[in-house]
Amino acid sequence: MARRIPTGLEAREGRKFGLTVGTAFLVLGGIALWRGRELPTQILWGLGGLLILGAALLPAKLKPVERAWMAMALQISRVMTPIVMGIVYFLVLTPIALVIRSAKGNPLVHRTDATGYWFTKGEGQDAKSDMRRQF
């Protein structure tokens, strides 16, 4: 029996998308109103109201809106991800590495003195421990 692949947005998914994004727009509109921005408040509340109304009345018909929203999110992530990762690298990891290097020196340099990592094999060890036949 072949399974049918849904081509449209199911009602439950459309309702979830419409309510989530619509609520986010309403909250952003409330923040814009609090900051005294009248035009952005009207635009954001209008978009939020339309999405919530669409989620309530026709949730399966929100597929083109959801597809456009996700395409826009993909383009934004292509720009923002390298910026955020660069900020994390240069403002978090680089200072930590500089502090470690100044306190302990370069951790990649191997010391050859008695505190190094190499040790000699003792006389009493048998041939099974020389890693030639591991299994």
Protein backbone atom coordinates (compact mmCIF):
# COMPACT_ATOMS: atom_id res chain seq x y z
CA MET A 1 0.00 0.00 0.00
CA ALA A 2 1.58 3.29 -1.09
CA ARG A 3 1.55 6.14 1.35
CA ARG A 4 0.21 9.45 0.09
CA ILE A 5 2.62 12.35 0.54
CA PRO A 6 0.70 15.47 1.56
CA THR A 7 1.22 18.35 -0.83
CA GLY A 8 -0.40 21.05 1.27
CA LEU A 9 -0.05 22.19 4.82
CA GLU A 10 -2.19 20.16 7.19
CA ALA A 11 -4.72 22.04 9.25
CA ARG A 12 -2.88 21.38 12.51
CA GLU A 13 0.45 22.63 11.11
CA GLY A 14 -1.19 25.67 9.52
CA ARG A 15 -2.92 26.54 12.76
CA LYS A 16 0.33 26.20 14.69
CA PHE A 17 2.23 28.38 12.18
CA GLY A 18 -0.48 31.04 12.03
CA LEU A 19 -0.92 31.28 15.79
CA THR A 20 2.81 31.29 16.55
CA VAL A 21 3.88 33.86 13.97
CA GLY A 22 0.69 35.90 14.42
CA THR A 23 1.27 36.09 18.18
CA ALA A 24 4.88 37.10 17.58
CA PHE A 25 3.71 39.94 15.31
CA LEU A 26 1.18 41.07 17.92
CA VAL A 27 3.87 41.12 20.62
CA LEU A 28 6.23 43.06 18.34
CA GLY A 29 3.37 45.47 17.62
CA GLY A 30 2.87 45.93 21.36
CA ILE A 31 6.56 46.72 21.77
CA ALA A 32 6.36 49.21 18.90
CA LEU A 33 3.33 50.85 20.53
CA TRP A 34 5.17 51.05 23.85
CA ARG A 35 8.05 52.79 22.09
CA GLY A 36 5.67 55.29 20.47
CA ARG A 37 5.88 54.01 16.87
CA GLU A 38 2.42 54.27 15.40
CA LEU A 39 2.89 53.03 11.81
CA PRO A 40 4.93 49.91 12.70
CA THR A 41 2.35 49.13 15.38
CA GLN A 42 -0.48 49.19 12.84
CA ILE A 43 1.47 47.08 10.31
CA LEU A 44 2.54 44.46 12.84
CA TRP A 45 -0.88 44.22 14.44
CA GLY A 46 -2.48 43.94 11.01
CA LEU A 47 -0.16 41.09 9.98
CA GLY A 48 -0.60 39.36 13.33
CA GLY A 49 -4.37 39.67 13.18
CA LEU A 50 -4.49 38.31 9.61
CA LEU A 51 -2.32 35.32 10.52
CA ILE A 52 -4.35 34.49 13.61
CA LEU A 53 -7.59 34.91 11.67
CA GLY A 54 -6.22 32.66 8.91
CA ALA A 55 -5.14 30.09 11.51
CA ALA A 56 -8.64 30.10 12.97
CA LEU A 57 -10.64 30.02 9.73
CA LEU A 58 -8.48 28.49 6.96
CA PRO A 59 -5.38 26.91 8.50
CA ALA A 60 -4.68 24.59 5.54
CA LYS A 61 -4.51 27.57 3.15
CA LEU A 62 -1.49 29.10 4.92
CA LYS A 63 0.98 26.95 2.94
CA PRO A 64 2.18 29.75 0.59
CA VAL A 65 2.66 32.09 3.54
CA GLU A 66 4.58 29.44 5.48
CA ARG A 67 6.71 28.59 2.43
CA ALA A 68 7.60 32.27 1.85
CA TRP A 69 8.32 32.71 5.57
CA MET A 70 10.71 29.74 5.60
CA ALA A 71 12.44 30.89 2.38
CA MET A 72 13.02 34.30 3.96
CA ALA A 73 14.29 32.64 7.15
CA LEU A 74 16.74 30.55 5.12
CA GLN A 75 18.16 33.64 3.41
CA ILE A 76 18.47 35.48 6.72
CA SER A 77 20.27 32.49 8.26
CA ARG A 78 22.76 32.39 5.37
CA VAL A 79 23.78 35.94 6.24
CA MET A 80 23.48 35.88 10.03
CA THR A 81 25.10 32.52 10.83
CA PRO A 82 28.62 33.52 9.69
CA ILE A 83 28.28 36.86 11.47
CA VAL A 84 27.21 35.28 14.76
CA MET A 85 29.86 32.57 14.53
CA GLY A 86 32.54 35.18 13.82
CA ILE A 87 31.45 37.21 16.83
CA VAL A 88 31.57 34.12 19.04
CA TYR A 89 34.99 33.17 17.70
CA PHE A 90 36.62 36.58 18.03
CA LEU A 91 34.91 37.81 21.22
CA VAL A 92 34.70 34.54 23.20
CA LEU A 93 37.13 31.89 22.00
CA THR A 94 40.07 34.13 21.07
CA PRO A 95 40.29 35.85 24.50
CA ILE A 96 40.04 32.47 26.24
CA ALA A 97 42.88 31.11 24.07
CA LEU A 98 45.02 34.18 24.75
CA VAL A 99 44.53 33.81 28.50
CA ILE A 100 45.43 30.10 28.38
CA ARG A 101 48.53 30.78 26.29
CA SER A 102 49.69 33.56 28.57
CA ALA A 103 49.19 31.41 31.67
CA LYS A 104 50.43 28.01 30.48
CA GLY A 105 52.24 28.63 27.20
CA ASN A 106 51.39 26.90 23.95
CA PRO A 107 49.48 23.68 24.77
CA LEU A 108 50.42 22.14 21.40
CA VAL A 109 54.15 22.18 22.04
CA HIS A 110 55.34 18.81 23.39
CA ARG A 111 57.85 18.81 26.20
CA THR A 112 60.71 16.36 25.85
CA ASP A 113 61.76 16.33 29.50
CA ALA A 114 60.83 13.72 32.09
CA THR A 115 57.23 14.98 32.36
CA GLY A 116 56.50 14.26 28.69
CA TYR A 117 53.95 11.79 27.40
CA TRP A 118 56.25 8.96 26.24
CA PHE A 119 57.23 6.10 28.51
CA THR A 120 59.27 2.96 28.03
CA LYS A 121 57.73 -0.48 28.10
CA GLY A 122 58.58 -2.54 31.16
CA GLU A 123 60.30 -5.91 30.94
CA GLY A 124 57.49 -7.85 32.59
CA GLN A 125 54.79 -7.03 30.00
CA ASP A 126 53.75 -9.84 27.69
CA ALA A 127 53.32 -9.86 23.91
CA LYS A 128 49.52 -9.47 24.12
CA SER A 129 49.87 -5.87 25.19
CA ASP A 130 51.94 -4.70 22.22
CA MET A 131 48.82 -4.02 20.10
CA ARG A 132 49.77 -6.32 17.20
CA ARG A 133 46.79 -8.63 17.70
CA GLN A 134 44.07 -6.49 19.14
CA PHE A 135 41.19 -8.93 18.72
